[in-house]
Amino acid sequence: MASSAVKFMALFFILSYVGSSLAAEHTVGDQLGWRPFVNYYSWVRSKSIKLGDTLVFNYDPTKDYSVAEVTQFKFIACNASDAKFFDKSGNITVTLLESGQHYFMAQGHCSDQMVFSVLV
């Protein structure tokens, strides 16, 4: 009986390690980063983003840029209030831990195309 428990725990740790090693890191906008007038919808379509992957937002903190994850309704309205998270530091990493549609935007920059959504 103890042997089965040990085998189960070993298998659990191996699968946990393999699962975490399969997670990918995606720099939003690749070398262009998070800034106005980048086609982020094209960028998203070129990626295979999965549950557990991370999105890295790199941007100039001296500019009036931000990153917010919002609901679909806030996304449509270009409203970052009550965001799931909001950052203005210049570098933020977001791990996608929930399946479904995720909506990202920069407050006040929707007309500058600093918006995208991704299905995980």
PDB file of N, CA and C in Angstrom:
ATOM      1  N   MET A   1       0.827  -1.192   0.000  1.00  0.00           N
ATOM      2  CA  MET A   1       0.000   0.000   0.000  1.00  0.00           C
ATOM      3  C   MET A   1       0.870   1.254   0.000  1.00  0.00           C
ATOM      4  N   ALA A   2       1.912   1.282   0.809  1.00  0.00           N
ATOM      5  CA  ALA A   2       2.799   2.440   0.867  1.00  0.00           C
ATOM      6  C   ALA A   2       3.506   2.634  -0.465  1.00  0.00           C
ATOM      7  N   SER A   3       3.802   1.538  -1.149  1.00  0.00           N
ATOM      8  CA  SER A   3       4.472   1.606  -2.444  1.00  0.00           C
ATOM      9  C   SER A   3       3.591   2.331  -3.463  1.00  0.00           C
ATOM     10  N   SER A   4       2.304   2.099  -3.439  1.00  0.00           N
ATOM     11  CA  SER A   4       1.380   2.766  -4.356  1.00  0.00           C
ATOM     12  C   SER A   4       1.327   4.261  -4.084  1.00  0.00           C
ATOM     13  N   ALA A   5       1.354   4.644  -2.808  1.00  0.00           N
ATOM     14  CA  ALA A   5       1.327   6.055  -2.445  1.00  0.00           C
ATOM     15  C   ALA A   5       2.595   6.747  -2.926  1.00  0.00           C
ATOM     16  N   VAL A   6       3.728   6.082  -2.793  1.00  0.00           N
ATOM     17  CA  VAL A   6       5.000   6.653  -3.240  1.00  0.00           C
ATOM     18  C   VAL A   6       4.985   6.812  -4.758  1.00  0.00           C
ATOM     19  N   LYS A   7       4.507   5.816  -5.472  1.00  0.00           N
ATOM     20  CA  LYS A   7       4.427   5.892  -6.939  1.00  0.00           C
ATOM     21  C   LYS A   7       3.487   7.023  -7.366  1.00  0.00           C
ATOM     22  N   PHE A   8       2.368   7.143  -6.674  1.00  0.00           N
ATOM     23  CA  PHE A   8       1.420   8.212  -7.004  1.00  0.00           C
ATOM     24  C   PHE A   8       2.058   9.576  -6.797  1.00  0.00           C
ATOM     25  N   MET A   9       2.736   9.763  -5.667  1.00  0.00           N
ATOM     26  CA  MET A   9       3.374  11.051  -5.387  1.00  0.00           C
ATOM     27  C   MET A   9       4.466  11.358  -6.415  1.00  0.00           C
ATOM     28  N   ALA A  10       5.235  10.356  -6.799  1.00  0.00           N
ATOM     29  CA  ALA A  10       6.280  10.552  -7.802  1.00  0.00           C
ATOM     30  C   ALA A  10       5.656  10.964  -9.133  1.00  0.00           C
ATOM     31  N   LEU A  11       4.594  10.292  -9.527  1.00  0.00           N
ATOM     32  CA  LEU A  11       3.908  10.629 -10.771  1.00  0.00           C
ATOM     33  C   LEU A  11       3.330  12.035 -10.695  1.00  0.00           C
ATOM     34  N   PHE A  12       2.767  12.400  -9.564  1.00  0.00           N
ATOM     35  CA  PHE A  12       2.213  13.737  -9.376  1.00  0.00           C
ATOM     36  C   PHE A  12       3.286  14.804  -9.572  1.00  0.00           C
ATOM     37  N   PHE A  13       4.451  14.619  -8.946  1.00  0.00           N
ATOM     38  CA  PHE A  13       5.527  15.601  -9.058  1.00  0.00           C
ATOM     39  C   PHE A  13       6.086  15.666 -10.481  1.00  0.00           C
ATOM     40  N   ILE A  14       6.182  14.542 -11.134  1.00  0.00           N
ATOM     41  CA  ILE A  14       6.674  14.529 -12.526  1.00  0.00           C
ATOM     42  C   ILE A  14       5.704  15.274 -13.428  1.00  0.00           C
ATOM     43  N   LEU A  15       4.420  15.000 -13.284  1.00  0.00           N
ATOM     44  CA  LEU A  15       3.424  15.676 -14.115  1.00  0.00           C
ATOM     45  C   LEU A  15       3.357  17.163 -13.803  1.00  0.00           C
ATOM     46  N   SER A  16       3.519  17.530 -12.544  1.00  0.00           N
ATOM     47  CA  SER A  16       3.534  18.946 -12.177  1.00  0.00           C
ATOM     48  C   SER A  16       4.717  19.653 -12.826  1.00  0.00           C
ATOM     49  N   TYR A  17       5.868  19.013 -12.818  1.00  0.00           N
ATOM     50  CA  TYR A  17       7.065  19.601 -13.417  1.00  0.00           C
ATOM     51  C   TYR A  17       6.906  19.732 -14.930  1.00  0.00           C
ATOM     52  N   VAL A  18       6.425  18.669 -15.571  1.00  0.00           N
ATOM     53  CA  VAL A  18       6.243  18.703 -17.023  1.00  0.00           C
ATOM     54  C   VAL A  18       5.224  19.759 -17.399  1.00  0.00           C
ATOM     55  N   GLY A  19       4.122  19.853 -16.656  1.00  0.00           N
ATOM     56  CA  GLY A  19       3.097  20.860 -16.953  1.00  0.00           C
ATOM     57  C   GLY A  19       3.630  22.266 -16.831  1.00  0.00           C
ATOM     58  N   SER A  20       4.412  22.528 -15.798  1.00  0.00           N
ATOM     59  CA  SER A  20       4.933  23.880 -15.621  1.00  0.00           C
ATOM     60  C   SER A  20       6.011  24.202 -16.640  1.00  0.00           C
ATOM     61  N   SER A  21       6.744  23.200 -17.095  1.00  0.00           N
ATOM     62  CA  SER A  21       7.794  23.465 -18.062  1.00  0.00           C
ATOM     63  C   SER A  21       7.221  23.715 -19.447  1.00  0.00           C
ATOM     64  N   LEU A  22       5.985  23.347 -19.676  1.00  0.00           N
ATOM     65  CA  LEU A  22       5.359  23.562 -20.971  1.00  0.00           C
ATOM     66  C   LEU A  22       4.775  24.968 -21.101  1.00  0.00           C
ATOM     67  N   ALA A  23       4.666  25.683 -20.000  1.00  0.00           N
ATOM     68  CA  ALA A  23       4.129  27.041 -20.041  1.00  0.00           C
ATOM     69  C   ALA A  23       5.103  27.930 -20.809  1.00  0.00           C
ATOM     70  N   ALA A  24       4.539  28.828 -21.601  1.00  0.00           N
ATOM     71  CA  ALA A  24       5.359  29.718 -22.431  1.00  0.00           C
ATOM     72  C   ALA A  24       5.229  31.153 -21.943  1.00  0.00           C
ATOM     73  N   GLU A  25       6.230  31.950 -22.275  1.00  0.00           N
ATOM     74  CA  GLU A  25       6.219  33.371 -21.972  1.00  0.00           C
ATOM     75  C   GLU A  25       6.120  34.122 -23.298  1.00  0.00           C
ATOM     76  N   HIS A  26       5.158  35.040 -23.373  1.00  0.00           N
ATOM     77  CA  HIS A  26       4.915  35.806 -24.598  1.00  0.00           C
ATOM     78  C   HIS A  26       5.093  37.290 -24.289  1.00  0.00           C
ATOM     79  N   THR A  27       6.030  37.927 -24.964  1.00  0.00           N
ATOM     80  CA  THR A  27       6.205  39.370 -24.811  1.00  0.00           C
ATOM     81  C   THR A  27       5.198  40.057 -25.725  1.00  0.00           C
ATOM     82  N   VAL A  28       4.274  40.780 -25.140  1.00  0.00           N
ATOM     83  CA  VAL A  28       3.203  41.426 -25.893  1.00  0.00           C
ATOM     84  C   VAL A  28       3.808  42.421 -26.885  1.00  0.00           C
ATOM     85  N   GLY A  29       3.470  42.219 -28.159  1.00  0.00           N
ATOM     86  CA  GLY A  29       4.006  43.073 -29.215  1.00  0.00           C
ATOM     87  C   GLY A  29       5.404  42.692 -29.652  1.00  0.00           C
ATOM     88  N   ASP A  30       5.923  41.579 -29.120  1.00  0.00           N
ATOM     89  CA  ASP A  30       7.292  41.137 -29.402  1.00  0.00           C
ATOM     90  C   ASP A  30       8.274  42.287 -29.193  1.00  0.00           C
ATOM     91  N   GLN A  31       9.126  42.577 -30.144  1.00  0.00           N
ATOM     92  CA  GLN A  31      10.151  43.612 -29.957  1.00  0.00           C
ATOM     93  C   GLN A  31       9.568  45.021 -29.906  1.00  0.00           C
ATOM     94  N   LEU A  32       8.341  45.217 -30.385  1.00  0.00           N
ATOM     95  CA  LEU A  32       7.721  46.539 -30.342  1.00  0.00           C
ATOM     96  C   LEU A  32       7.211  46.887 -28.943  1.00  0.00           C
ATOM     97  N   GLY A  33       6.890  45.880 -28.162  1.00  0.00           N
ATOM     98  CA  GLY A  33       6.398  46.105 -26.809  1.00  0.00           C
ATOM     99  C   GLY A  33       4.963  46.612 -26.782  1.00  0.00           C
ATOM    100  N   TRP A  34       4.608  47.223 -25.663  1.00  0.00           N
ATOM    101  CA  TRP A  34       3.256  47.730 -25.410  1.00  0.00           C
ATOM    102  C   TRP A  34       3.287  49.235 -25.645  1.00  0.00           C
ATOM    103  N   ARG A  35       2.802  49.650 -26.797  1.00  0.00           N
ATOM    104  CA  ARG A  35       2.827  51.063 -27.176  1.00  0.00           C
ATOM    105  C   ARG A  35       1.737  51.303 -28.208  1.00  0.00           C
ATOM    106  N   PRO A  36       1.424  52.553 -28.506  1.00  0.00           N
ATOM    107  CA  PRO A  36       0.354  52.847 -29.463  1.00  0.00           C
ATOM    108  C   PRO A  36       0.657  52.343 -30.878  1.00  0.00           C
ATOM    109  N   PHE A  37      -0.421  52.080 -31.576  1.00  0.00           N
ATOM    110  CA  PHE A  37      -0.435  51.778 -33.013  1.00  0.00           C
ATOM    111  C   PHE A  37       0.349  50.533 -33.401  1.00  0.00           C
ATOM    112  N   VAL A  38       0.298  49.526 -32.535  1.00  0.00           N
ATOM    113  CA  VAL A  38       0.798  48.194 -32.860  1.00  0.00           C
ATOM    114  C   VAL A  38      -0.439  47.329 -33.079  1.00  0.00           C
ATOM    115  N   ASN A  39      -0.406  46.470 -34.073  1.00  0.00           N
ATOM    116  CA  ASN A  39      -1.550  45.610 -34.351  1.00  0.00           C
ATOM    117  C   ASN A  39      -1.503  44.395 -33.416  1.00  0.00           C
ATOM    118  N   TYR A  40      -2.070  44.562 -32.229  1.00  0.00           N
ATOM    119  CA  TYR A  40      -2.036  43.487 -31.238  1.00  0.00           C
ATOM    120  C   TYR A  40      -2.955  42.331 -31.613  1.00  0.00           C
ATOM    121  N   TYR A  41      -3.986  42.582 -32.397  1.00  0.00           N
ATOM    122  CA  TYR A  41      -4.838  41.474 -32.838  1.00  0.00           C
ATOM    123  C   TYR A  41      -4.060  40.551 -33.761  1.00  0.00           C
ATOM    124  N   SER A  42      -3.247  41.111 -34.628  1.00  0.00           N
ATOM    125  CA  SER A  42      -2.384  40.299 -35.490  1.00  0.00           C
ATOM    126  C   SER A  42      -1.359  39.552 -34.639  1.00  0.00           C
ATOM    127  N   TRP A  43      -0.815  40.234 -33.634  1.00  0.00           N
ATOM    128  CA  TRP A  43       0.152  39.607 -32.740  1.00  0.00           C
ATOM    129  C   TRP A  43      -0.471  38.407 -32.034  1.00  0.00           C
ATOM    130  N   VAL A  44      -1.682  38.562 -31.496  1.00  0.00           N
ATOM    131  CA  VAL A  44      -2.363  37.466 -30.789  1.00  0.00           C
ATOM    132  C   VAL A  44      -2.608  36.300 -31.740  1.00  0.00           C
ATOM    133  N   ARG A  45      -3.055  36.588 -32.960  1.00  0.00           N
ATOM    134  CA  ARG A  45      -3.339  35.519 -33.928  1.00  0.00           C
ATOM    135  C   ARG A  45      -2.078  34.733 -34.290  1.00  0.00           C
ATOM    136  N   SER A  46      -0.915  35.339 -34.155  1.00  0.00           N
ATOM    137  CA  SER A  46       0.325  34.650 -34.509  1.00  0.00           C
ATOM    138  C   SER A  46       0.846  33.771 -33.368  1.00  0.00           C
ATOM    139  N   LYS A  47       0.164  33.778 -32.235  1.00  0.00           N
ATOM    140  CA  LYS A  47       0.616  33.035 -31.055  1.00  0.00           C
ATOM    141  C   LYS A  47      -0.340  31.897 -30.733  1.00  0.00           C
ATOM    142  N   SER A  48       0.182  30.935 -30.012  1.00  0.00           N
ATOM    143  CA  SER A  48      -0.641  29.868 -29.456  1.00  0.00           C
ATOM    144  C   SER A  48      -0.556  30.016 -27.936  1.00  0.00           C
ATOM    145  N   ILE A  49      -1.470  30.794 -27.385  1.00  0.00           N
ATOM    146  CA  ILE A  49      -1.436  31.124 -25.963  1.00  0.00           C
ATOM    147  C   ILE A  49      -2.347  30.158 -25.209  1.00  0.00           C
ATOM    148  N   LYS A  50      -1.782  29.540 -24.180  1.00  0.00           N
ATOM    149  CA  LYS A  50      -2.481  28.488 -23.445  1.00  0.00           C
ATOM    150  C   LYS A  50      -2.571  28.820 -21.961  1.00  0.00           C
ATOM    151  N   LEU A  51      -3.402  28.078 -21.287  1.00  0.00           N
ATOM    152  CA  LEU A  51      -3.548  28.188 -19.841  1.00  0.00           C
ATOM    153  C   LEU A  51      -2.184  27.970 -19.179  1.00  0.00           C
ATOM    154  N   GLY A  52      -1.822  28.856 -18.269  1.00  0.00           N
ATOM    155  CA  GLY A  52      -0.542  28.773 -17.580  1.00  0.00           C
ATOM    156  C   GLY A  52       0.552  29.601 -18.225  1.00  0.00           C
ATOM    157  N   ASP A  53       0.341  30.050 -19.460  1.00  0.00           N
ATOM    158  CA  ASP A  53       1.324  30.914 -20.124  1.00  0.00           C
ATOM    159  C   ASP A  53       1.336  32.288 -19.462  1.00  0.00           C
ATOM    160  N   THR A  54       2.407  33.023 -19.693  1.00  0.00           N
ATOM    161  CA  THR A  54       2.494  34.382 -19.174  1.00  0.00           C
ATOM    162  C   THR A  54       2.591  35.385 -20.314  1.00  0.00           C
ATOM    163  N   LEU A  55       2.005  36.546 -20.079  1.00  0.00           N
ATOM    164  CA  LEU A  55       2.112  37.676 -20.995  1.00  0.00           C
ATOM    165  C   LEU A  55       3.001  38.711 -20.313  1.00  0.00           C
ATOM    166  N   VAL A  56       4.004  39.184 -21.036  1.00  0.00           N
ATOM    167  CA  VAL A  56       4.927  40.185 -20.502  1.00  0.00           C
ATOM    168  C   VAL A  56       4.652  41.492 -21.234  1.00  0.00           C
ATOM    169  N   PHE A  57       4.283  42.505 -20.477  1.00  0.00           N
ATOM    170  CA  PHE A  57       4.025  43.838 -21.029  1.00  0.00           C
ATOM    171  C   PHE A  57       5.229  44.715 -20.700  1.00  0.00           C
ATOM    172  N   ASN A  58       5.933  45.162 -21.723  1.00  0.00           N
ATOM    173  CA  ASN A  58       7.063  46.080 -21.553  1.00  0.00           C
ATOM    174  C   ASN A  58       6.677  47.418 -22.162  1.00  0.00           C
ATOM    175  N   TYR A  59       6.786  48.473 -21.359  1.00  0.00           N
ATOM    176  CA  TYR A  59       6.443  49.796 -21.867  1.00  0.00           C
ATOM    177  C   TYR A  59       7.154  50.865 -21.053  1.00  0.00           C
ATOM    178  N   ASP A  60       7.166  52.060 -21.594  1.00  0.00           N
ATOM    179  CA  ASP A  60       7.862  53.184 -20.985  1.00  0.00           C
ATOM    180  C   ASP A  60       7.007  53.758 -19.846  1.00  0.00           C
ATOM    181  N   PRO A  61       7.465  53.642 -18.598  1.00  0.00           N
ATOM    182  CA  PRO A  61       6.668  54.137 -17.470  1.00  0.00           C
ATOM    183  C   PRO A  61       6.573  55.671 -17.423  1.00  0.00           C
ATOM    184  N   THR A  62       7.418  56.363 -18.182  1.00  0.00           N
ATOM    185  CA  THR A  62       7.330  57.829 -18.197  1.00  0.00           C
ATOM    186  C   THR A  62       6.217  58.316 -19.117  1.00  0.00           C
ATOM    187  N   LYS A  63       5.721  57.429 -19.955  1.00  0.00           N
ATOM    188  CA  LYS A  63       4.580  57.770 -20.823  1.00  0.00           C
ATOM    189  C   LYS A  63       3.297  57.527 -20.030  1.00  0.00           C
ATOM    190  N   ASP A  64       2.205  57.981 -20.561  1.00  0.00           N
ATOM    191  CA  ASP A  64       0.915  57.788 -19.904  1.00  0.00           C
ATOM    192  C   ASP A  64       0.291  56.460 -20.346  1.00  0.00           C
ATOM    193  N   TYR A  65       1.049  55.369 -20.202  1.00  0.00           N
ATOM    194  CA  TYR A  65       0.565  54.046 -20.589  1.00  0.00           C
ATOM    195  C   TYR A  65       0.242  53.246 -19.333  1.00  0.00           C
ATOM    196  N   SER A  66      -0.570  52.243 -19.516  1.00  0.00           N
ATOM    197  CA  SER A  66      -0.927  51.351 -18.428  1.00  0.00           C
ATOM    198  C   SER A  66      -1.316  50.014 -19.025  1.00  0.00           C
ATOM    199  N   VAL A  67      -1.524  49.047 -18.154  1.00  0.00           N
ATOM    200  CA  VAL A  67      -2.064  47.748 -18.549  1.00  0.00           C
ATOM    201  C   VAL A  67      -3.183  47.430 -17.579  1.00  0.00           C
ATOM    202  N   ALA A  68      -4.322  47.085 -18.128  1.00  0.00           N
ATOM    203  CA  ALA A  68      -5.458  46.679 -17.294  1.00  0.00           C
ATOM    204  C   ALA A  68      -6.097  45.447 -17.912  1.00  0.00           C
ATOM    205  N   GLU A  69      -6.462  44.502 -17.066  1.00  0.00           N
ATOM    206  CA  GLU A  69      -7.319  43.411 -17.528  1.00  0.00           C
ATOM    207  C   GLU A  69      -8.720  43.740 -17.040  1.00  0.00           C
ATOM    208  N   VAL A  70      -9.645  43.773 -17.971  1.00  0.00           N
ATOM    209  CA  VAL A  70     -11.003  44.214 -17.672  1.00  0.00           C
ATOM    210  C   VAL A  70     -12.020  43.194 -18.155  1.00  0.00           C
ATOM    211  N   THR A  71     -13.266  43.419 -17.792  1.00  0.00           N
ATOM    212  CA  THR A  71     -14.345  42.571 -18.289  1.00  0.00           C
ATOM    213  C   THR A  71     -14.659  42.933 -19.742  1.00  0.00           C
ATOM    214  N   GLN A  72     -15.431  42.102 -20.378  1.00  0.00           N
ATOM    215  CA  GLN A  72     -15.825  42.362 -21.765  1.00  0.00           C
ATOM    216  C   GLN A  72     -16.559  43.698 -21.885  1.00  0.00           C
ATOM    217  N   PHE A  73     -17.433  43.997 -20.954  1.00  0.00           N
ATOM    218  CA  PHE A  73     -18.209  45.235 -21.021  1.00  0.00           C
ATOM    219  C   PHE A  73     -17.322  46.459 -20.839  1.00  0.00           C
ATOM    220  N   LYS A  74     -16.366  46.376 -19.926  1.00  0.00           N
ATOM    221  CA  LYS A  74     -15.426  47.492 -19.738  1.00  0.00           C
ATOM    222  C   LYS A  74     -14.524  47.638 -20.963  1.00  0.00           C
ATOM    223  N   PHE A  75     -14.169  46.525 -21.572  1.00  0.00           N
ATOM    224  CA  PHE A  75     -13.341  46.530 -22.772  1.00  0.00           C
ATOM    225  C   PHE A  75     -14.061  47.257 -23.905  1.00  0.00           C
ATOM    226  N   ILE A  76     -15.312  46.910 -24.121  1.00  0.00           N
ATOM    227  CA  ILE A  76     -16.099  47.542 -25.183  1.00  0.00           C
ATOM    228  C   ILE A  76     -16.244  49.037 -24.918  1.00  0.00           C
ATOM    229  N   ALA A  77     -16.405  49.406 -23.657  1.00  0.00           N
ATOM    230  CA  ALA A  77     -16.580  50.812 -23.286  1.00  0.00           C
ATOM    231  C   ALA A  77     -15.248  51.549 -23.140  1.00  0.00           C
ATOM    232  N   CYS A  78     -14.130  50.833 -23.277  1.00  0.00           N
ATOM    233  CA  CYS A  78     -12.799  51.406 -23.085  1.00  0.00           C
ATOM    234  C   CYS A  78     -12.703  52.073 -21.708  1.00  0.00           C
ATOM    235  N   ASN A  79     -13.056  51.304 -20.694  1.00  0.00           N
ATOM    236  CA  ASN A  79     -13.119  51.810 -19.334  1.00  0.00           C
ATOM    237  C   ASN A  79     -12.309  50.876 -18.426  1.00  0.00           C
ATOM    238  N   ALA A  80     -11.229  51.382 -17.873  1.00  0.00           N
ATOM    239  CA  ALA A  80     -10.363  50.553 -17.029  1.00  0.00           C
ATOM    240  C   ALA A  80     -10.715  50.616 -15.543  1.00  0.00           C
ATOM    241  N   SER A  81     -11.800  51.299 -15.193  1.00  0.00           N
ATOM    242  CA  SER A  81     -12.178  51.350 -13.778  1.00  0.00           C
ATOM    243  C   SER A  81     -12.589  49.964 -13.299  1.00  0.00           C
ATOM    244  N   ASP A  82     -12.302  49.673 -12.041  1.00  0.00           N
ATOM    245  CA  ASP A  82     -12.613  48.376 -11.434  1.00  0.00           C
ATOM    246  C   ASP A  82     -11.992  47.213 -12.207  1.00  0.00           C
ATOM    247  N   ALA A  83     -10.798  47.419 -12.732  1.00  0.00           N
ATOM    248  CA  ALA A  83     -10.105  46.380 -13.491  1.00  0.00           C
ATOM    249  C   ALA A  83      -9.713  45.214 -12.588  1.00  0.00           C
ATOM    250  N   LYS A  84      -9.572  44.033 -13.181  1.00  0.00           N
ATOM    251  CA  LYS A  84      -9.085  42.871 -12.436  1.00  0.00           C
ATOM    252  C   LYS A  84      -7.690  43.167 -11.915  1.00  0.00           C
ATOM    253  N   PHE A  85      -6.901  43.841 -12.714  1.00  0.00           N
ATOM    254  CA  PHE A  85      -5.630  44.409 -12.255  1.00  0.00           C
ATOM    255  C   PHE A  85      -5.314  45.620 -13.114  1.00  0.00           C
ATOM    256  N   PHE A  86      -4.496  46.497 -12.567  1.00  0.00           N
ATOM    257  CA  PHE A  86      -4.116  47.726 -13.252  1.00  0.00           C
ATOM    258  C   PHE A  86      -2.665  48.016 -12.895  1.00  0.00           C
ATOM    259  N   ASP A  87      -1.846  48.347 -13.901  1.00  0.00           N
ATOM    260  CA  ASP A  87      -0.428  48.589 -13.656  1.00  0.00           C
ATOM    261  C   ASP A  87       0.072  49.741 -14.511  1.00  0.00           C
ATOM    262  N   LYS A  88       0.953  50.565 -13.939  1.00  0.00           N
ATOM    263  CA  LYS A  88       1.593  51.659 -14.677  1.00  0.00           C
ATOM    264  C   LYS A  88       3.108  51.645 -14.480  1.00  0.00           C
ATOM    265  N   SER A  89       3.663  50.515 -14.054  1.00  0.00           N
ATOM    266  CA  SER A  89       5.081  50.443 -13.681  1.00  0.00           C
ATOM    267  C   SER A  89       6.033  50.396 -14.862  1.00  0.00           C
ATOM    268  N   GLY A  90       5.566  49.960 -16.012  1.00  0.00           N
ATOM    269  CA  GLY A  90       6.443  49.823 -17.165  1.00  0.00           C
ATOM    270  C   GLY A  90       6.761  48.395 -17.508  1.00  0.00           C
ATOM    271  N   ASN A  91       6.649  47.507 -16.560  1.00  0.00           N
ATOM    272  CA  ASN A  91       6.866  46.085 -16.805  1.00  0.00           C
ATOM    273  C   ASN A  91       5.933  45.291 -15.910  1.00  0.00           C
ATOM    274  N   ILE A  92       5.127  44.469 -16.532  1.00  0.00           N
ATOM    275  CA  ILE A  92       4.212  43.631 -15.761  1.00  0.00           C
ATOM    276  C   ILE A  92       4.110  42.274 -16.446  1.00  0.00           C
ATOM    277  N   THR A  93       4.096  41.236 -15.655  1.00  0.00           N
ATOM    278  CA  THR A  93       3.930  39.880 -16.170  1.00  0.00           C
ATOM    279  C   THR A  93       2.608  39.349 -15.648  1.00  0.00           C
ATOM    280  N   VAL A  94       1.805  38.830 -16.558  1.00  0.00           N
ATOM    281  CA  VAL A  94       0.486  38.299 -16.208  1.00  0.00           C
ATOM    282  C   VAL A  94       0.467  36.813 -16.541  1.00  0.00           C
ATOM    283  N   THR A  95       0.211  35.996 -15.544  1.00  0.00           N
ATOM    284  CA  THR A  95       0.071  34.560 -15.775  1.00  0.00           C
ATOM    285  C   THR A  95      -1.402  34.253 -15.981  1.00  0.00           C
ATOM    286  N   LEU A  96      -1.704  33.574 -17.059  1.00  0.00           N
ATOM    287  CA  LEU A  96      -3.092  33.266 -17.417  1.00  0.00           C
ATOM    288  C   LEU A  96      -3.509  31.974 -16.722  1.00  0.00           C
ATOM    289  N   LEU A  97      -4.195  32.130 -15.601  1.00  0.00           N
ATOM    290  CA  LEU A  97      -4.552  31.003 -14.747  1.00  0.00           C
ATOM    291  C   LEU A  97      -6.002  30.562 -14.904  1.00  0.00           C
ATOM    292  N   GLU A  98      -6.780  31.296 -15.692  1.00  0.00           N
ATOM    293  CA  GLU A  98      -8.186  30.950 -15.911  1.00  0.00           C
ATOM    294  C   GLU A  98      -8.436  30.800 -17.399  1.00  0.00           C
ATOM    295  N   SER A  99      -9.186  29.762 -17.756  1.00  0.00           N
ATOM    296  CA  SER A  99      -9.551  29.608 -19.154  1.00  0.00           C
ATOM    297  C   SER A  99     -10.650  30.611 -19.494  1.00  0.00           C
ATOM    298  N   GLY A 100     -10.786  30.900 -20.761  1.00  0.00           N
ATOM    299  CA  GLY A 100     -11.799  31.842 -21.218  1.00  0.00           C
ATOM    300  C   GLY A 100     -11.172  33.033 -21.907  1.00  0.00           C
ATOM    301  N   GLN A 101     -11.988  34.021 -22.190  1.00  0.00           N
ATOM    302  CA  GLN A 101     -11.540  35.228 -22.881  1.00  0.00           C
ATOM    303  C   GLN A 101     -10.958  36.214 -21.874  1.00  0.00           C
ATOM    304  N   HIS A 102      -9.801  36.773 -22.185  1.00  0.00           N
ATOM    305  CA  HIS A 102      -9.144  37.785 -21.359  1.00  0.00           C
ATOM    306  C   HIS A 102      -9.054  39.067 -22.175  1.00  0.00           C
ATOM    307  N   TYR A 103      -9.371  40.192 -21.550  1.00  0.00           N
ATOM    308  CA  TYR A 103      -9.419  41.492 -22.229  1.00  0.00           C
ATOM    309  C   TYR A 103      -8.387  42.426 -21.600  1.00  0.00           C
ATOM    310  N   PHE A 104      -7.491  42.947 -22.432  1.00  0.00           N
ATOM    311  CA  PHE A 104      -6.430  43.833 -21.972  1.00  0.00           C
ATOM    312  C   PHE A 104      -6.512  45.172 -22.686  1.00  0.00           C
ATOM    313  N   MET A 105      -6.191  46.226 -21.958  1.00  0.00           N
ATOM    314  CA  MET A 105      -6.238  47.566 -22.541  1.00  0.00           C
ATOM    315  C   MET A 105      -5.331  48.505 -21.767  1.00  0.00           C
ATOM    316  N   ALA A 106      -5.022  49.629 -22.415  1.00  0.00           N
ATOM    317  CA  ALA A 106      -4.326  50.731 -21.750  1.00  0.00           C
ATOM    318  C   ALA A 106      -5.351  51.837 -21.560  1.00  0.00           C
ATOM    319  N   GLN A 107      -5.530  52.258 -20.326  1.00  0.00           N
ATOM    320  CA  GLN A 107      -6.529  53.282 -20.023  1.00  0.00           C
ATOM    321  C   GLN A 107      -6.282  54.530 -20.872  1.00  0.00           C
ATOM    322  N   GLY A 108      -7.329  54.952 -21.583  1.00  0.00           N
ATOM    323  CA  GLY A 108      -7.264  56.163 -22.390  1.00  0.00           C
ATOM    324  C   GLY A 108      -6.565  55.994 -23.726  1.00  0.00           C
ATOM    325  N   HIS A 109      -6.218  54.762 -24.096  1.00  0.00           N
ATOM    326  CA  HIS A 109      -5.477  54.554 -25.342  1.00  0.00           C
ATOM    327  C   HIS A 109      -6.162  53.565 -26.284  1.00  0.00           C
ATOM    328  N   CYS A 110      -7.462  53.414 -26.169  1.00  0.00           N
ATOM    329  CA  CYS A 110      -8.166  52.506 -27.069  1.00  0.00           C
ATOM    330  C   CYS A 110      -8.085  52.996 -28.516  1.00  0.00           C
ATOM    331  N   SER A 111      -8.207  54.295 -28.711  1.00  0.00           N
ATOM    332  CA  SER A 111      -8.126  54.821 -30.076  1.00  0.00           C
ATOM    333  C   SER A 111      -6.711  54.695 -30.636  1.00  0.00           C
ATOM    334  N   ASP A 112      -5.732  54.489 -29.755  1.00  0.00           N
ATOM    335  CA  ASP A 112      -4.341  54.255 -30.175  1.00  0.00           C
ATOM    336  C   ASP A 112      -4.070  52.774 -30.402  1.00  0.00           C
ATOM    337  N   GLN A 113      -5.104  51.952 -30.300  1.00  0.00           N
ATOM    338  CA  GLN A 113      -5.051  50.508 -30.550  1.00  0.00           C
ATOM    339  C   GLN A 113      -4.279  49.730 -29.484  1.00  0.00           C
ATOM    340  N   MET A 114      -4.188  50.270 -28.278  1.00  0.00           N
ATOM    341  CA  MET A 114      -3.538  49.543 -27.193  1.00  0.00           C
ATOM    342  C   MET A 114      -4.570  48.685 -26.466  1.00  0.00           C
ATOM    343  N   VAL A 115      -5.133  47.755 -27.234  1.00  0.00           N
ATOM    344  CA  VAL A 115      -6.169  46.862 -26.740  1.00  0.00           C
ATOM    345  C   VAL A 115      -6.017  45.507 -27.454  1.00  0.00           C
ATOM    346  N   PHE A 116      -6.391  44.454 -26.766  1.00  0.00           N
ATOM    347  CA  PHE A 116      -6.519  43.145 -27.411  1.00  0.00           C
ATOM    348  C   PHE A 116      -7.218  42.199 -26.448  1.00  0.00           C
ATOM    349  N   SER A 117      -7.733  41.132 -27.005  1.00  0.00           N
ATOM    350  CA  SER A 117      -8.297  40.073 -26.182  1.00  0.00           C
ATOM    351  C   SER A 117      -7.706  38.751 -26.663  1.00  0.00           C
ATOM    352  N   VAL A 118      -7.669  37.800 -25.758  1.00  0.00           N
ATOM    353  CA  VAL A 118      -7.103  36.501 -26.080  1.00  0.00           C
ATOM    354  C   VAL A 118      -7.960  35.429 -25.435  1.00  0.00           C
ATOM    355  N   LEU A 119      -8.223  34.366 -26.199  1.00  0.00           N
ATOM    356  CA  LEU A 119      -8.975  33.220 -25.688  1.00  0.00           C
ATOM    357  C   LEU A 119      -7.976  32.184 -25.194  1.00  0.00           C
ATOM    358  N   VAL A 120      -8.105  31.819 -23.937  1.00  0.00           N
ATOM    359  CA  VAL A 120      -7.201  30.853 -23.316  1.00  0.00           C
ATOM    360  C   VAL A 120      -7.972  29.577 -23.057  1.00  0.00           C
TER     361      VAL A 120
END
